[in-house]
Protein backbone atom coordinates (compact mmCIF):
# COMPACT_ATOMS: atom_id res chain seq x y z
CA MET A 1 -9.85 23.90 -2.24
CA LYS A 2 -11.45 20.78 -0.79
CA ASP A 3 -14.27 20.82 1.75
CA LEU A 4 -14.88 24.55 1.43
CA THR A 5 -18.16 25.48 3.12
CA VAL A 6 -19.72 28.94 2.87
CA GLY A 7 -21.99 29.94 5.72
CA ILE A 8 -24.70 32.52 4.94
CA PHE A 9 -26.11 34.64 7.74
CA PRO A 10 -28.97 36.92 6.56
CA HIS A 11 -30.87 39.50 8.60
CA TYR A 12 -34.06 37.44 8.87
CA GLN A 13 -36.35 40.49 9.31
CA ARG A 14 -35.36 42.12 6.02
CA THR A 15 -36.97 40.83 2.86
CA GLU A 16 -34.08 42.04 0.69
CA ALA A 17 -31.58 40.19 2.91
CA LYS A 18 -33.56 36.95 2.71
CA ASN A 19 -33.93 37.27 -1.07
CA LYS A 20 -30.20 37.90 -1.51
CA ALA A 21 -29.41 34.95 0.74
CA VAL A 22 -31.53 32.59 -1.36
CA LYS A 23 -30.03 33.93 -4.59
CA LEU A 24 -26.45 33.69 -3.30
CA LYS A 25 -27.08 30.10 -2.16
CA GLU A 26 -28.31 29.19 -5.65
CA VAL A 27 -25.35 30.86 -7.35
CA LEU A 28 -22.76 29.14 -5.14
CA GLU A 29 -24.38 25.71 -5.36
CA LEU A 30 -24.40 25.99 -9.16
CA ALA A 31 -20.62 26.49 -8.85
CA ASN A 32 -20.41 23.27 -6.75
CA ILE A 33 -19.64 25.18 -3.55
CA LYS A 34 -21.12 23.72 -0.39
CA VAL A 35 -23.44 26.16 1.41
CA ILE A 36 -24.95 26.11 4.89
CA MET A 37 -27.46 28.88 5.60
CA ARG A 38 -28.79 30.08 8.92
CA LYS A 39 -32.51 29.42 8.81
CA PHE A 40 -34.96 32.28 8.74
CA GLU A 41 -36.86 32.92 11.96
CA GLY A 42 -39.72 30.46 12.35
CA GLU A 43 -38.03 27.74 10.30
CA GLY A 44 -36.21 26.06 13.14
CA SER A 45 -33.12 28.24 13.34
CA LEU A 46 -29.77 26.52 13.01
CA ASP A 47 -27.64 26.56 16.13
CA ASP A 48 -25.33 29.54 15.55
CA ASN A 49 -22.26 27.90 17.09
CA LEU A 50 -22.63 24.73 15.00
CA TRP A 51 -23.30 26.78 11.88
CA LEU A 52 -20.17 28.91 12.34
CA GLU A 53 -17.91 26.00 13.24
CA LYS A 54 -18.66 24.33 9.90
CA SER A 55 -17.92 27.41 7.75
CA SER A 56 -14.66 28.35 6.03
CA ILE A 57 -16.16 31.61 4.74
CA VAL A 58 -19.04 33.45 6.38
CA VAL A 59 -21.23 35.89 4.44
CA SER A 60 -23.16 38.42 6.52
CA ILE A 61 -26.17 39.79 4.63
CA GLY A 62 -27.73 42.98 6.00
CA GLY A 63 -26.28 46.16 7.45
CA ASP A 64 -23.43 46.96 9.82
CA GLY A 65 -25.45 45.65 12.77
CA THR A 66 -25.73 42.21 11.17
CA PHE A 67 -22.02 42.27 10.35
CA LEU A 68 -21.15 43.06 13.98
CA ARG A 69 -23.46 40.34 15.30
CA VAL A 70 -21.77 37.72 13.14
CA ALA A 71 -18.30 39.06 13.96
CA ARG A 72 -19.05 38.81 17.69
CA TYR A 73 -20.14 35.19 17.28
CA MET A 74 -16.95 34.42 15.39
CA ALA A 75 -14.77 36.16 17.97
CA SER A 76 -16.42 34.30 20.87
CA LEU A 77 -15.69 30.97 19.15
CA ASN A 78 -12.19 32.00 18.11
CA SER A 79 -13.30 31.10 14.58
CA ASN A 80 -10.69 30.71 11.86
CA ALA A 81 -13.23 31.47 9.09
CA HIS A 82 -13.11 34.57 6.90
CA LEU A 83 -15.99 37.05 7.09
CA ILE A 84 -17.37 39.08 4.19
CA GLY A 85 -20.29 41.50 4.38
CA LEU A 86 -23.00 41.86 1.73
CA ASN A 87 -24.89 45.12 2.29
CA THR A 88 -28.64 45.45 1.75
CA SER A 89 -29.77 48.47 3.74
CA GLY A 90 -28.42 51.22 1.52
CA SER A 91 -27.83 53.32 4.64
CA LEU A 92 -24.61 54.76 6.01
CA GLY A 93 -22.72 51.51 6.51
CA PHE A 94 -18.93 51.13 6.51
CA LEU A 95 -18.25 47.49 7.37
CA ASN A 96 -19.67 45.54 4.44
CA CYS A 97 -17.36 44.84 1.53
CA THR A 98 -19.94 44.95 -1.27
CA SER A 99 -23.61 45.21 -2.16
CA THR A 100 -23.56 42.72 -5.07
CA ILE A 101 -23.77 38.93 -5.17
CA ASP A 102 -21.35 38.86 -8.12
CA GLN A 103 -18.65 40.52 -6.02
CA VAL A 104 -19.15 38.02 -3.19
CA LYS A 105 -18.83 35.14 -5.65
CA LYS A 106 -15.68 36.73 -7.08
CA GLU A 107 -14.11 37.03 -3.62
CA ILE A 108 -14.97 33.41 -2.83
CA ASN A 109 -13.43 32.25 -6.13
CA ASN A 110 -10.30 34.25 -5.33
CA PHE A 111 -10.20 32.55 -1.94
CA ILE A 112 -10.44 29.12 -3.59
CA LYS A 113 -7.57 30.06 -5.94
CA GLY A 114 -5.48 31.39 -3.07
CA LYS A 115 -5.38 34.89 -4.58
CA PHE A 116 -7.56 36.70 -2.08
CA THR A 117 -7.23 39.91 -0.07
CA SER A 118 -7.48 39.50 3.68
CA SER A 119 -7.22 41.68 6.76
CA GLU A 120 -8.00 41.31 10.46
CA ILE A 121 -10.01 42.98 13.19
CA GLN A 122 -8.54 42.67 16.68
CA THR A 123 -11.02 43.12 19.48
CA LEU A 124 -10.65 45.46 22.44
CA LYS A 125 -11.30 44.41 26.02
CA THR A 126 -13.16 46.42 28.62
CA ARG A 127 -13.14 45.87 32.38
CA LEU A 128 -15.51 47.73 34.69
CA PHE A 129 -15.21 47.67 38.48
CA THR A 130 -17.49 48.99 41.21
CA GLU A 131 -17.53 48.30 44.94
CA GLU A 132 -20.15 45.60 44.40
CA GLU A 133 -19.34 43.95 41.08
CA LYS A 134 -17.01 43.67 38.15
CA TYR A 135 -17.50 42.96 34.46
CA GLU A 136 -15.11 41.93 31.68
CA GLY A 137 -15.97 41.67 28.00
CA GLU A 138 -14.67 42.33 24.50
CA PHE A 139 -16.00 44.59 21.77
CA ILE A 140 -15.42 45.38 18.11
CA ASN A 141 -16.90 48.86 17.63
CA GLU A 142 -17.04 50.74 20.91
CA ALA A 143 -17.52 50.79 24.66
CA PHE A 144 -19.94 53.57 25.64
CA LEU A 145 -20.37 54.67 29.25
CA VAL A 146 -23.30 57.09 29.60
CA ARG A 147 -25.29 58.55 32.49
CA ASP A 148 -28.93 57.79 33.14
CA ILE A 149 -30.97 60.73 31.85
CA GLN A 150 -32.46 61.34 35.32
CA SER A 151 -29.07 61.42 37.04
CA ARG A 152 -26.96 64.49 37.68
CA LEU A 153 -24.01 65.12 35.37
CA PRO A 154 -21.05 63.03 36.47
CA ILE A 155 -17.41 64.07 36.37
CA PHE A 156 -15.42 61.77 34.08
CA GLN A 157 -11.75 61.51 35.04
CA ILE A 158 -9.49 60.12 32.29
CA LYS A 159 -6.16 58.39 32.92
CA ILE A 160 -3.79 57.14 30.22
CA GLY A 161 -1.50 54.58 31.81
CA LYS A 162 -0.41 56.20 35.07
CA SER A 163 -0.88 59.75 33.77
CA LEU A 164 -3.94 61.86 34.48
CA LEU A 165 -5.19 63.31 31.19
CA GLY A 166 -7.99 65.43 32.63
CA SER A 167 -11.57 65.62 33.88
CA PHE A 168 -14.84 66.90 32.46
CA HIS A 169 -18.54 67.19 33.20
CA GLY A 170 -20.53 65.44 30.50
CA GLU A 171 -23.11 62.89 29.47
CA GLY A 172 -20.69 60.08 28.78
CA VAL A 173 -17.53 58.85 27.10
CA ILE A 174 -16.97 56.62 24.07
CA LEU A 175 -13.88 54.46 23.62
CA SER A 176 -14.02 53.11 20.09
CA SER A 177 -11.80 51.04 17.85
CA SER A 178 -10.76 52.25 14.41
CA ILE A 179 -13.55 50.06 13.00
CA GLY A 180 -15.99 51.82 15.33
CA SER A 181 -14.75 55.31 14.44
CA THR A 182 -17.51 55.57 11.82
CA ALA A 183 -20.30 54.67 14.27
CA GLN A 184 -21.29 56.46 17.50
CA ALA A 185 -17.83 58.00 17.82
CA LEU A 186 -18.29 59.81 14.50
CA SER A 187 -21.69 61.14 15.57
CA ALA A 188 -20.11 62.47 18.78
CA GLY A 189 -17.41 64.38 16.90
CA GLY A 190 -14.65 61.77 16.80
CA SER A 191 -12.15 61.40 13.97
CA LEU A 192 -12.47 59.06 11.02
CA ILE A 193 -9.74 56.43 11.39
CA SER A 194 -8.38 54.02 8.81
CA HIS A 195 -9.36 50.45 9.62
CA GLN A 196 -5.69 49.53 9.20
CA LEU A 197 -4.84 51.23 12.51
CA TYR A 198 -5.20 49.51 15.86
CA CYS A 199 -6.00 52.24 18.33
CA ILE A 200 -8.57 53.59 20.76
CA ASN A 201 -10.55 56.68 19.80
CA LEU A 202 -11.45 58.28 23.15
CA VAL A 203 -14.39 60.62 22.50
CA PRO A 204 -16.09 62.68 25.24
CA PHE A 205 -19.86 62.60 24.75
CA SER A 206 -21.60 65.98 25.19
CA ALA A 207 -18.78 67.37 27.32
CA HIS A 208 -19.74 70.66 29.02
CA SER A 209 -16.54 72.39 27.93
CA ILE A 210 -15.36 73.58 24.52
CA ASN A 211 -11.78 72.64 25.47
CA ILE A 212 -12.44 68.89 25.64
CA ARG A 213 -11.53 67.09 22.42
CA PRO A 214 -11.24 63.47 21.22
CA ILE A 215 -7.84 61.81 21.47
CA LEU A 216 -6.27 58.69 19.92
CA VAL A 217 -4.63 56.30 22.35
CA ASN A 218 -2.51 53.17 21.99
CA PRO A 219 -4.46 50.23 23.53
CA ILE A 220 -1.39 49.04 25.42
CA GLU A 221 -1.59 52.28 27.45
CA LYS A 222 -4.87 50.98 28.92
CA PRO A 223 -6.91 54.18 29.17
CA LYS A 224 -9.17 54.38 32.23
CA VAL A 225 -12.36 56.24 33.02
CA LEU A 226 -12.94 56.92 36.73
CA ILE A 227 -16.15 58.27 38.24
CA LYS A 228 -16.71 59.24 41.86
CA GLY A 229 -19.73 60.84 43.46
CA SER A 230 -23.06 59.90 44.96
CA LYS A 231 -24.38 56.38 44.56
CA GLU A 232 -27.64 57.95 43.41
CA LEU A 233 -25.85 58.47 40.10
CA LYS A 234 -26.57 55.73 37.55
CA LEU A 235 -24.50 54.94 34.47
CA TYR A 236 -24.97 52.38 31.72
CA LEU A 237 -22.32 50.44 29.84
CA PHE A 238 -22.99 49.63 26.19
CA LEU A 239 -20.74 47.42 24.05
CA ASP A 240 -21.31 47.55 20.29
CA GLY A 241 -24.73 49.09 20.89
CA LEU A 242 -25.87 46.41 23.35
CA LYS A 243 -26.76 47.43 26.92
CA ILE A 244 -24.52 45.39 29.20
CA MET A 245 -25.08 46.68 32.73
CA MET A 246 -25.99 49.53 35.05
CA ALA A 247 -23.27 50.73 37.43
CA LYS A 248 -22.99 53.19 40.29
CA PRO A 249 -19.94 55.18 41.51
CA PRO A 250 -17.28 54.83 42.51
CA LEU A 251 -16.36 52.95 39.35
CA THR A 252 -13.40 52.40 37.06
CA MET A 253 -13.56 51.33 33.42
CA GLU A 254 -10.41 50.23 31.62
CA VAL A 255 -9.92 49.40 27.93
CA SER A 256 -6.99 47.31 26.70
CA PRO A 257 -6.04 45.01 23.79
CA GLY A 258 -8.44 42.13 23.25
CA SER A 259 -7.53 38.49 22.72
CA ASN A 260 -9.68 37.70 19.66
CA ARG A 261 -9.22 38.37 15.96
CA ILE A 262 -11.69 38.20 13.07
CA LYS A 263 -10.43 37.57 9.54
CA LEU A 264 -12.03 39.66 6.80
CA LEU A 265 -12.27 38.57 3.18
CA GLY A 266 -11.95 41.16 0.42
CA MET A 267 -11.50 44.02 2.88
CA ASN A 268 -8.52 46.36 2.69
CA GLY A 269 -7.67 50.05 3.00
CA ASP A 270 -9.08 50.78 -0.46
CA ASN A 271 -12.56 49.71 0.69
CA PHE A 272 -12.50 52.19 3.56
CA TYR A 273 -11.39 55.17 1.47
CA LYS A 274 -13.80 54.32 -1.33
CA THR A 275 -16.64 54.15 1.20
CA ILE A 276 -15.66 57.51 2.68
CA ARG A 277 -15.54 59.05 -0.80
CA ASN A 278 -18.91 57.68 -1.87
CA LYS A 279 -20.99 57.77 1.31
CA LEU A 280 -19.71 61.09 2.66
CA SER A 281 -19.47 62.74 -0.77
CA TRP A 282 -15.77 63.49 -0.58
CA GLY A 283 -15.48 63.10 -4.35
CA TRP A 284 -15.61 65.73 -7.06
CA LYS A 285 -18.93 67.40 -7.75
CA LYS A 286 -20.76 66.10 -10.76
CA GLY A 287 -19.42 67.71 -13.89
CA ALA A 288 -16.18 68.92 -12.27
CA SER A 289 -12.86 68.02 -13.86
CA GLY A 290 -10.44 65.57 -12.31
CA THR A 291 -10.51 61.89 -11.39
């Protein structure tokens, strides 16, 4: 494949990520593959937009946070490049395809030969309205609406399409994608969801009722969260772990299908199930029979 350029995006604060980035650059250049690497902090960082626009394949080196940061850049530019994640943290990450340079090189070679495995992430869009302002943005993992710790407990009213699902007192509500089901949604009691599904995992956060449970929703049904009450109540909107805004009631938050897609290299259903088996110890105990 002519004019193939691999962009390398390491987590510049992690020594292991920087070391792997340098090593991967050497390995690919020895194979006559053009490489452009985001500079480490303090070295005159490359403009991220320019760097991504030149890349056919993007390698994120770090943890899930680094992967999401790169994916958001790619989505905002409507990039046609393929993204692959190289893990370094050793923590509970689910988005990176591999932890070895050899596997990344193998996936790139498969891409060059046209024999590669590819899948896509489609973003979700959130819209939040108050009497004074409105916000619209897209996310990959989750939208998290949570009360300020000094505010009284709000009542979260949930609508699916035109139907009222119910109401609950609680700390907040998480609306995650299938990709985000292994992040905050999992910690809050949400289901693990195959990355092959495009859905919304609506997870009440610290609901003050044992009857309230997570529910999976089709994005085209545009689930809504409505909050009324005193304007002394403060809530915060987080998208993919980033604080976006503070809002006061009455407010409405709606989640619907997003307009952007991110192509993933070397990522398929097998990666997800293998990660679940290994990281959550769903395999056989050591010494037990079976496969």
